[in-house]
Amino acid sequence: MALVDTVFQASTGSTGRSLLQIDCPVDFEYQNYTIIISRCKGPHYPPTECCDAFRDFACPFAVYINNKGTNCADTMISGINFFRKYP
C-alpha cells in the first residue's frame, strides 16, 4: 500500500470509532438538560439519581448515540459538561 493510500484511510482507535464520522442529526446544543441538572447535584453526585437522570435524558437518543458512525455520543457528553461542570 502506498503512503498516500494510508494517509486517507479511515482508522479506528481504542474506542472503535472511525475518524470519518458524520455530524450528529440531533442538535444537543438545544436539548433540555433540566432532567440531569435538577436530579444530579453536587457536591456528592449521588450515583443512583445521576445514573437515572442520565438514562432518562439519553435513552430517547440511543439510536443516535450508539451509532459509531456519528459524533452524537461525544456531542451529547460535551453538551452535558457545558451546561453543568460534572466531575
PDB file of N, CA and C in Angstrom:
ATOM      1  N   MET A   1       0.859  -1.183   0.000  1.00  0.00           N
ATOM      2  CA  MET A   1       0.000   0.000   0.000  1.00  0.00           C
ATOM      3  C   MET A   1       0.897   1.235   0.000  1.00  0.00           C
ATOM      4  N   ALA A   2       0.610   2.165  -0.856  1.00  0.00           N
ATOM      5  CA  ALA A   2       1.402   3.387  -0.970  1.00  0.00           C
ATOM      6  C   ALA A   2       1.122   4.308   0.205  1.00  0.00           C
ATOM      7  N   LEU A   3       2.062   5.173   0.508  1.00  0.00           N
ATOM      8  CA  LEU A   3       1.922   6.113   1.612  1.00  0.00           C
ATOM      9  C   LEU A   3       0.672   6.975   1.455  1.00  0.00           C
ATOM     10  N   VAL A   4       0.386   7.448   0.283  1.00  0.00           N
ATOM     11  CA  VAL A   4      -0.794   8.281   0.069  1.00  0.00           C
ATOM     12  C   VAL A   4      -2.076   7.510   0.383  1.00  0.00           C
ATOM     13  N   ASP A   5      -2.095   6.216   0.140  1.00  0.00           N
ATOM     14  CA  ASP A   5      -3.273   5.407   0.450  1.00  0.00           C
ATOM     15  C   ASP A   5      -3.484   5.290   1.958  1.00  0.00           C
ATOM     16  N   THR A   6      -2.417   5.179   2.711  1.00  0.00           N
ATOM     17  CA  THR A   6      -2.561   5.034   4.155  1.00  0.00           C
ATOM     18  C   THR A   6      -2.945   6.338   4.819  1.00  0.00           C
ATOM     19  N   VAL A   7      -2.576   7.469   4.248  1.00  0.00           N
ATOM     20  CA  VAL A   7      -2.907   8.765   4.833  1.00  0.00           C
ATOM     21  C   VAL A   7      -4.405   8.999   4.806  1.00  0.00           C
ATOM     22  N   PHE A   8      -5.073   8.602   3.743  1.00  0.00           N
ATOM     23  CA  PHE A   8      -6.503   8.863   3.599  1.00  0.00           C
ATOM     24  C   PHE A   8      -7.386   7.699   4.017  1.00  0.00           C
ATOM     25  N   GLN A   9      -6.801   6.699   4.586  1.00  0.00           N
ATOM     26  CA  GLN A   9      -7.571   5.544   5.015  1.00  0.00           C
ATOM     27  C   GLN A   9      -8.187   5.833   6.382  1.00  0.00           C
ATOM     28  N   ALA A  10      -9.455   5.483   6.565  1.00  0.00           N
ATOM     29  CA  ALA A  10     -10.107   5.674   7.864  1.00  0.00           C
ATOM     30  C   ALA A  10      -9.452   4.749   8.867  1.00  0.00           C
ATOM     31  N   SER A  11      -9.290   5.243  10.081  1.00  0.00           N
ATOM     32  CA  SER A  11      -8.714   4.394  11.108  1.00  0.00           C
ATOM     33  C   SER A  11      -9.588   4.445  12.336  1.00  0.00           C
ATOM     34  N   THR A  12      -9.475   3.406  13.137  1.00  0.00           N
ATOM     35  CA  THR A  12     -10.205   3.375  14.387  1.00  0.00           C
ATOM     36  C   THR A  12      -9.213   3.249  15.516  1.00  0.00           C
ATOM     37  N   GLY A  13      -9.473   3.975  16.568  1.00  0.00           N
ATOM     38  CA  GLY A  13      -8.604   3.929  17.734  1.00  0.00           C
ATOM     39  C   GLY A  13      -9.113   2.914  18.736  1.00  0.00           C
ATOM     40  N   SER A  14      -8.712   3.068  19.973  1.00  0.00           N
ATOM     41  CA  SER A  14      -9.103   2.131  21.018  1.00  0.00           C
ATOM     42  C   SER A  14     -10.601   2.186  21.303  1.00  0.00           C
ATOM     43  N   THR A  15     -11.260   3.282  20.934  1.00  0.00           N
ATOM     44  CA  THR A  15     -12.699   3.392  21.166  1.00  0.00           C
ATOM     45  C   THR A  15     -13.496   2.694  20.071  1.00  0.00           C
ATOM     46  N   GLY A  16     -12.847   2.354  18.976  1.00  0.00           N
ATOM     47  CA  GLY A  16     -13.545   1.716  17.872  1.00  0.00           C
ATOM     48  C   GLY A  16     -14.268   2.701  16.981  1.00  0.00           C
ATOM     49  N   ARG A  17     -14.145   3.970  17.259  1.00  0.00           N
ATOM     50  CA  ARG A  17     -14.813   4.985  16.449  1.00  0.00           C
ATOM     51  C   ARG A  17     -13.952   5.338  15.253  1.00  0.00           C
ATOM     52  N   SER A  18     -14.577   5.563  14.153  1.00  0.00           N
ATOM     53  CA  SER A  18     -13.871   5.910  12.924  1.00  0.00           C
ATOM     54  C   SER A  18     -13.570   7.400  12.894  1.00  0.00           C
ATOM     55  N   LEU A  19     -12.472   7.753  12.285  1.00  0.00           N
ATOM     56  CA  LEU A  19     -12.150   9.163  12.128  1.00  0.00           C
ATOM     57  C   LEU A  19     -13.062   9.829  11.102  1.00  0.00           C
ATOM     58  N   LEU A  20     -13.723   9.044  10.278  1.00  0.00           N
ATOM     59  CA  LEU A  20     -14.617   9.592   9.260  1.00  0.00           C
ATOM     60  C   LEU A  20     -16.061   9.543   9.760  1.00  0.00           C
ATOM     61  N   GLN A  21     -16.339  10.283  10.828  1.00  0.00           N
ATOM     62  CA  GLN A  21     -17.680  10.316  11.388  1.00  0.00           C
ATOM     63  C   GLN A  21     -18.503  11.405  10.723  1.00  0.00           C
ATOM     64  N   ILE A  22     -19.808  11.174  10.714  1.00  0.00           N
ATOM     65  CA  ILE A  22     -20.707  12.206  10.214  1.00  0.00           C
ATOM     66  C   ILE A  22     -21.269  12.978  11.403  1.00  0.00           C
ATOM     67  N   ASP A  23     -21.691  14.194  11.161  1.00  0.00           N
ATOM     68  CA  ASP A  23     -22.256  15.001  12.227  1.00  0.00           C
ATOM     69  C   ASP A  23     -23.529  14.369  12.756  1.00  0.00           C
ATOM     70  N   CYS A  24     -23.786  14.627  14.002  1.00  0.00           N
ATOM     71  CA  CYS A  24     -24.968  14.087  14.664  1.00  0.00           C
ATOM     72  C   CYS A  24     -26.230  14.794  14.153  1.00  0.00           C
ATOM     73  N   PRO A  25     -27.265  14.042  13.810  1.00  0.00           N
ATOM     74  CA  PRO A  25     -28.505  14.674  13.355  1.00  0.00           C
ATOM     75  C   PRO A  25     -29.303  15.306  14.501  1.00  0.00           C
ATOM     76  N   VAL A  26     -28.927  15.018  15.744  1.00  0.00           N
ATOM     77  CA  VAL A  26     -29.594  15.615  16.905  1.00  0.00           C
ATOM     78  C   VAL A  26     -28.783  16.840  17.321  1.00  0.00           C
ATOM     79  N   ASP A  27     -29.452  17.959  17.508  1.00  0.00           N
ATOM     80  CA  ASP A  27     -28.759  19.171  17.934  1.00  0.00           C
ATOM     81  C   ASP A  27     -28.758  19.222  19.458  1.00  0.00           C
ATOM     82  N   PHE A  28     -27.701  18.672  20.065  1.00  0.00           N
ATOM     83  CA  PHE A  28     -27.629  18.606  21.520  1.00  0.00           C
ATOM     84  C   PHE A  28     -27.421  19.971  22.165  1.00  0.00           C
ATOM     85  N   GLU A  29     -27.079  20.970  21.394  1.00  0.00           N
ATOM     86  CA  GLU A  29     -26.929  22.315  21.945  1.00  0.00           C
ATOM     87  C   GLU A  29     -28.264  22.839  22.464  1.00  0.00           C
ATOM     88  N   TYR A  30     -29.350  22.414  21.850  1.00  0.00           N
ATOM     89  CA  TYR A  30     -30.669  22.938  22.206  1.00  0.00           C
ATOM     90  C   TYR A  30     -31.554  21.938  22.931  1.00  0.00           C
ATOM     91  N   GLN A  31     -30.974  20.872  23.464  1.00  0.00           N
ATOM     92  CA  GLN A  31     -31.756  19.915  24.233  1.00  0.00           C
ATOM     93  C   GLN A  31     -31.990  20.456  25.646  1.00  0.00           C
ATOM     94  N   ASN A  32     -33.006  19.941  26.290  1.00  0.00           N
ATOM     95  CA  ASN A  32     -33.342  20.361  27.652  1.00  0.00           C
ATOM     96  C   ASN A  32     -32.584  19.467  28.643  1.00  0.00           C
ATOM     97  N   TYR A  33     -31.579  20.022  29.291  1.00  0.00           N
ATOM     98  CA  TYR A  33     -30.747  19.276  30.232  1.00  0.00           C
ATOM     99  C   TYR A  33     -31.280  19.348  31.664  1.00  0.00           C
ATOM    100  N   THR A  34     -32.457  19.929  31.844  1.00  0.00           N
ATOM    101  CA  THR A  34     -33.029  20.092  33.178  1.00  0.00           C
ATOM    102  C   THR A  34     -33.158  18.769  33.906  1.00  0.00           C
ATOM    103  N   ILE A  35     -33.490  17.722  33.202  1.00  0.00           N
ATOM    104  CA  ILE A  35     -33.665  16.416  33.837  1.00  0.00           C
ATOM    105  C   ILE A  35     -32.389  15.961  34.534  1.00  0.00           C
ATOM    106  N   ILE A  36     -31.244  16.289  33.980  1.00  0.00           N
ATOM    107  CA  ILE A  36     -29.969  15.926  34.605  1.00  0.00           C
ATOM    108  C   ILE A  36     -29.602  16.946  35.676  1.00  0.00           C
ATOM    109  N   ILE A  37     -29.670  18.216  35.326  1.00  0.00           N
ATOM    110  CA  ILE A  37     -29.257  19.281  36.235  1.00  0.00           C
ATOM    111  C   ILE A  37     -30.081  19.280  37.521  1.00  0.00           C
ATOM    112  N   SER A  38     -31.369  18.995  37.422  1.00  0.00           N
ATOM    113  CA  SER A  38     -32.237  19.047  38.603  1.00  0.00           C
ATOM    114  C   SER A  38     -32.095  17.826  39.504  1.00  0.00           C
ATOM    115  N   ARG A  39     -31.633  16.707  38.966  1.00  0.00           N
ATOM    116  CA  ARG A  39     -31.575  15.479  39.757  1.00  0.00           C
ATOM    117  C   ARG A  39     -30.170  15.036  40.123  1.00  0.00           C
ATOM    118  N   CYS A  40     -29.179  15.486  39.412  1.00  0.00           N
ATOM    119  CA  CYS A  40     -27.796  15.076  39.671  1.00  0.00           C
ATOM    120  C   CYS A  40     -27.034  16.280  40.200  1.00  0.00           C
ATOM    121  N   LYS A  41     -27.011  16.405  41.534  1.00  0.00           N
ATOM    122  CA  LYS A  41     -26.446  17.600  42.150  1.00  0.00           C
ATOM    123  C   LYS A  41     -25.260  17.264  43.039  1.00  0.00           C
ATOM    124  N   GLY A  42     -24.279  18.171  43.012  1.00  0.00           N
ATOM    125  CA  GLY A  42     -23.111  18.037  43.868  1.00  0.00           C
ATOM    126  C   GLY A  42     -23.404  18.588  45.236  1.00  0.00           C
ATOM    127  N   PRO A  43     -22.509  18.434  46.145  1.00  0.00           N
ATOM    128  CA  PRO A  43     -21.127  18.023  45.909  1.00  0.00           C
ATOM    129  C   PRO A  43     -20.929  16.512  45.857  1.00  0.00           C
ATOM    130  N   HIS A  44     -21.945  15.729  46.205  1.00  0.00           N
ATOM    131  CA  HIS A  44     -21.740  14.271  46.281  1.00  0.00           C
ATOM    132  C   HIS A  44     -22.180  13.517  45.034  1.00  0.00           C
ATOM    133  N   TYR A  45     -22.992  14.115  44.183  1.00  0.00           N
ATOM    134  CA  TYR A  45     -23.467  13.488  42.949  1.00  0.00           C
ATOM    135  C   TYR A  45     -23.900  12.038  43.198  1.00  0.00           C
ATOM    136  N   PRO A  46     -25.052  11.856  43.852  1.00  0.00           N
ATOM    137  CA  PRO A  46     -25.496  10.504  44.198  1.00  0.00           C
ATOM    138  C   PRO A  46     -25.633   9.628  42.958  1.00  0.00           C
ATOM    139  N   PRO A  47     -24.956   8.495  42.936  1.00  0.00           N
ATOM    140  CA  PRO A  47     -24.917   7.641  41.736  1.00  0.00           C
ATOM    141  C   PRO A  47     -26.292   7.215  41.222  1.00  0.00           C
ATOM    142  N   THR A  48     -27.181   6.827  42.099  1.00  0.00           N
ATOM    143  CA  THR A  48     -28.493   6.354  41.647  1.00  0.00           C
ATOM    144  C   THR A  48     -29.250   7.468  40.938  1.00  0.00           C
ATOM    145  N   GLU A  49     -29.304   8.643  41.557  1.00  0.00           N
ATOM    146  CA  GLU A  49     -30.030   9.762  40.969  1.00  0.00           C
ATOM    147  C   GLU A  49     -29.370  10.222  39.670  1.00  0.00           C
ATOM    148  N   CYS A  50     -28.041  10.292  39.661  1.00  0.00           N
ATOM    149  CA  CYS A  50     -27.332  10.750  38.467  1.00  0.00           C
ATOM    150  C   CYS A  50     -27.476   9.763  37.315  1.00  0.00           C
ATOM    151  N   CYS A  51     -27.338   8.479  37.606  1.00  0.00           N
ATOM    152  CA  CYS A  51     -27.465   7.471  36.545  1.00  0.00           C
ATOM    153  C   CYS A  51     -28.890   7.417  36.003  1.00  0.00           C
ATOM    154  N   ASP A  52     -29.867   7.506  36.901  1.00  0.00           N
ATOM    155  CA  ASP A  52     -31.267   7.514  36.449  1.00  0.00           C
ATOM    156  C   ASP A  52     -31.557   8.734  35.584  1.00  0.00           C
ATOM    157  N   ALA A  53     -31.049   9.892  35.985  1.00  0.00           N
ATOM    158  CA  ALA A  53     -31.266  11.121  35.211  1.00  0.00           C
ATOM    159  C   ALA A  53     -30.588  11.023  33.849  1.00  0.00           C
ATOM    160  N   PHE A  54     -29.364  10.508  33.839  1.00  0.00           N
ATOM    161  CA  PHE A  54     -28.649  10.347  32.569  1.00  0.00           C
ATOM    162  C   PHE A  54     -29.407   9.388  31.652  1.00  0.00           C
ATOM    163  N   ARG A  55     -29.885   8.289  32.196  1.00  0.00           N
ATOM    164  CA  ARG A  55     -30.636   7.312  31.399  1.00  0.00           C
ATOM    165  C   ARG A  55     -31.910   7.936  30.838  1.00  0.00           C
ATOM    166  N   ASP A  56     -32.624   8.694  31.675  1.00  0.00           N
ATOM    167  CA  ASP A  56     -33.857   9.338  31.216  1.00  0.00           C
ATOM    168  C   ASP A  56     -33.579  10.348  30.102  1.00  0.00           C
ATOM    169  N   PHE A  57     -32.450  11.044  30.203  1.00  0.00           N
ATOM    170  CA  PHE A  57     -32.089  12.005  29.166  1.00  0.00           C
ATOM    171  C   PHE A  57     -31.610  11.308  27.899  1.00  0.00           C
ATOM    172  N   ALA A  58     -30.727  10.347  28.035  1.00  0.00           N
ATOM    173  CA  ALA A  58     -30.031   9.753  26.891  1.00  0.00           C
ATOM    174  C   ALA A  58     -30.832   8.693  26.136  1.00  0.00           C
ATOM    175  N   CYS A  59     -31.653   7.941  26.813  1.00  0.00           N
ATOM    176  CA  CYS A  59     -32.340   6.817  26.151  1.00  0.00           C
ATOM    177  C   CYS A  59     -33.156   7.205  24.915  1.00  0.00           C
ATOM    178  N   PRO A  60     -33.847   8.342  24.912  1.00  0.00           N
ATOM    179  CA  PRO A  60     -34.566   8.697  23.686  1.00  0.00           C
ATOM    180  C   PRO A  60     -33.653   8.893  22.472  1.00  0.00           C
ATOM    181  N   PHE A  61     -32.365   9.107  22.723  1.00  0.00           N
ATOM    182  CA  PHE A  61     -31.404   9.325  21.647  1.00  0.00           C
ATOM    183  C   PHE A  61     -30.507   8.107  21.409  1.00  0.00           C
ATOM    184  N   ALA A  62     -30.853   6.971  22.001  1.00  0.00           N
ATOM    185  CA  ALA A  62     -29.987   5.784  21.969  1.00  0.00           C
ATOM    186  C   ALA A  62     -29.596   5.374  20.556  1.00  0.00           C
ATOM    187  N   VAL A  63     -30.512   5.433  19.625  1.00  0.00           N
ATOM    188  CA  VAL A  63     -30.205   5.032  18.251  1.00  0.00           C
ATOM    189  C   VAL A  63     -29.108   5.900  17.647  1.00  0.00           C
ATOM    190  N   TYR A  64     -29.035   7.149  18.068  1.00  0.00           N
ATOM    191  CA  TYR A  64     -28.031   8.066  17.546  1.00  0.00           C
ATOM    192  C   TYR A  64     -26.707   7.973  18.308  1.00  0.00           C
ATOM    193  N   ILE A  65     -26.778   7.943  19.648  1.00  0.00           N
ATOM    194  CA  ILE A  65     -25.531   7.943  20.424  1.00  0.00           C
ATOM    195  C   ILE A  65     -24.823   6.596  20.371  1.00  0.00           C
ATOM    196  N   ASN A  66     -25.532   5.542  20.023  1.00  0.00           N
ATOM    197  CA  ASN A  66     -24.903   4.233  19.877  1.00  0.00           C
ATOM    198  C   ASN A  66     -24.380   3.977  18.462  1.00  0.00           C
ATOM    199  N   ASN A  67     -24.614   4.897  17.567  1.00  0.00           N
ATOM    200  CA  ASN A  67     -24.138   4.767  16.189  1.00  0.00           C
ATOM    201  C   ASN A  67     -22.696   5.262  16.120  1.00  0.00           C
ATOM    202  N   LYS A  68     -21.769   4.334  15.963  1.00  0.00           N
ATOM    203  CA  LYS A  68     -20.347   4.684  15.938  1.00  0.00           C
ATOM    204  C   LYS A  68     -19.955   5.490  14.699  1.00  0.00           C
ATOM    205  N   GLY A  69     -20.847   5.606  13.748  1.00  0.00           N
ATOM    206  CA  GLY A  69     -20.569   6.383  12.541  1.00  0.00           C
ATOM    207  C   GLY A  69     -20.860   7.862  12.700  1.00  0.00           C
ATOM    208  N   THR A  70     -21.376   8.260  13.864  1.00  0.00           N
ATOM    209  CA  THR A  70     -21.665   9.670  14.114  1.00  0.00           C
ATOM    210  C   THR A  70     -20.875  10.156  15.322  1.00  0.00           C
ATOM    211  N   ASN A  71     -20.903  11.444  15.547  1.00  0.00           N
ATOM    212  CA  ASN A  71     -20.256  12.018  16.720  1.00  0.00           C
ATOM    213  C   ASN A  71     -21.274  12.345  17.814  1.00  0.00           C
ATOM    214  N   CYS A  72     -22.431  11.688  17.799  1.00  0.00           N
ATOM    215  CA  CYS A  72     -23.509  12.010  18.726  1.00  0.00           C
ATOM    216  C   CYS A  72     -23.131  11.800  20.192  1.00  0.00           C
ATOM    217  N   ALA A  73     -22.479  10.701  20.516  1.00  0.00           N
ATOM    218  CA  ALA A  73     -22.125  10.444  21.916  1.00  0.00           C
ATOM    219  C   ALA A  73     -21.204  11.541  22.438  1.00  0.00           C
ATOM    220  N   ASP A  74     -20.182  11.871  21.674  1.00  0.00           N
ATOM    221  CA  ASP A  74     -19.256  12.926  22.089  1.00  0.00           C
ATOM    222  C   ASP A  74     -19.958  14.270  22.204  1.00  0.00           C
ATOM    223  N   THR A  75     -20.839  14.562  21.267  1.00  0.00           N
ATOM    224  CA  THR A  75     -21.561  15.831  21.272  1.00  0.00           C
ATOM    225  C   THR A  75     -22.485  15.923  22.476  1.00  0.00           C
ATOM    226  N   MET A  76     -23.157  14.822  22.800  1.00  0.00           N
ATOM    227  CA  MET A  76     -24.058  14.815  23.949  1.00  0.00           C
ATOM    228  C   MET A  76     -23.280  15.028  25.246  1.00  0.00           C
ATOM    229  N   ILE A  77     -22.174  14.324  25.427  1.00  0.00           N
ATOM    230  CA  ILE A  77     -21.376  14.470  26.644  1.00  0.00           C
ATOM    231  C   ILE A  77     -20.818  15.891  26.746  1.00  0.00           C
ATOM    232  N   SER A  78     -20.403  16.454  25.632  1.00  0.00           N
ATOM    233  CA  SER A  78     -19.917  17.840  25.635  1.00  0.00           C
ATOM    234  C   SER A  78     -21.029  18.794  26.067  1.00  0.00           C
ATOM    235  N   GLY A  79     -22.232  18.545  25.585  1.00  0.00           N
ATOM    236  CA  GLY A  79     -23.372  19.378  25.973  1.00  0.00           C
ATOM    237  C   GLY A  79     -23.664  19.289  27.456  1.00  0.00           C
ATOM    238  N   ILE A  80     -23.618  18.089  28.008  1.00  0.00           N
ATOM    239  CA  ILE A  80     -23.851  17.906  29.444  1.00  0.00           C
ATOM    240  C   ILE A  80     -22.778  18.649  30.236  1.00  0.00           C
ATOM    241  N   ASN A  81     -21.550  18.506  29.844  1.00  0.00           N
ATOM    242  CA  ASN A  81     -20.450  19.179  30.553  1.00  0.00           C
ATOM    243  C   ASN A  81     -20.488  20.689  30.383  1.00  0.00           C
ATOM    244  N   PHE A  82     -20.998  21.165  29.261  1.00  0.00           N
ATOM    245  CA  PHE A  82     -21.095  22.599  29.029  1.00  0.00           C
ATOM    246  C   PHE A  82     -22.104  23.238  29.972  1.00  0.00           C
ATOM    247  N   PHE A  83     -23.252  22.595  30.126  1.00  0.00           N
ATOM    248  CA  PHE A  83     -24.318  23.169  30.941  1.00  0.00           C
ATOM    249  C   PHE A  83     -24.136  22.927  32.414  1.00  0.00           C
ATOM    250  N   ARG A  84     -23.364  21.915  32.751  1.00  0.00           N
ATOM    251  CA  ARG A  84     -23.133  21.595  34.162  1.00  0.00           C
ATOM    252  C   ARG A  84     -21.749  20.977  34.240  1.00  0.00           C
ATOM    253  N   LYS A  85     -20.865  21.567  34.970  1.00  0.00           N
ATOM    254  CA  LYS A  85     -19.495  21.071  35.051  1.00  0.00           C
ATOM    255  C   LYS A  85     -19.441  19.850  35.972  1.00  0.00           C
ATOM    256  N   TYR A  86     -19.693  18.682  35.413  1.00  0.00           N
ATOM    257  CA  TYR A  86     -19.661  17.467  36.215  1.00  0.00           C
ATOM    258  C   TYR A  86     -18.249  16.920  36.303  1.00  0.00           C
ATOM    259  N   PRO A  87     -17.939  16.301  37.445  1.00  0.00           N
ATOM    260  CA  PRO A  87     -16.583  15.734  37.591  1.00  0.00           C
ATOM    261  C   PRO A  87     -16.376  14.512  36.739  1.00  0.00           C
TER     262      PRO A  87
END
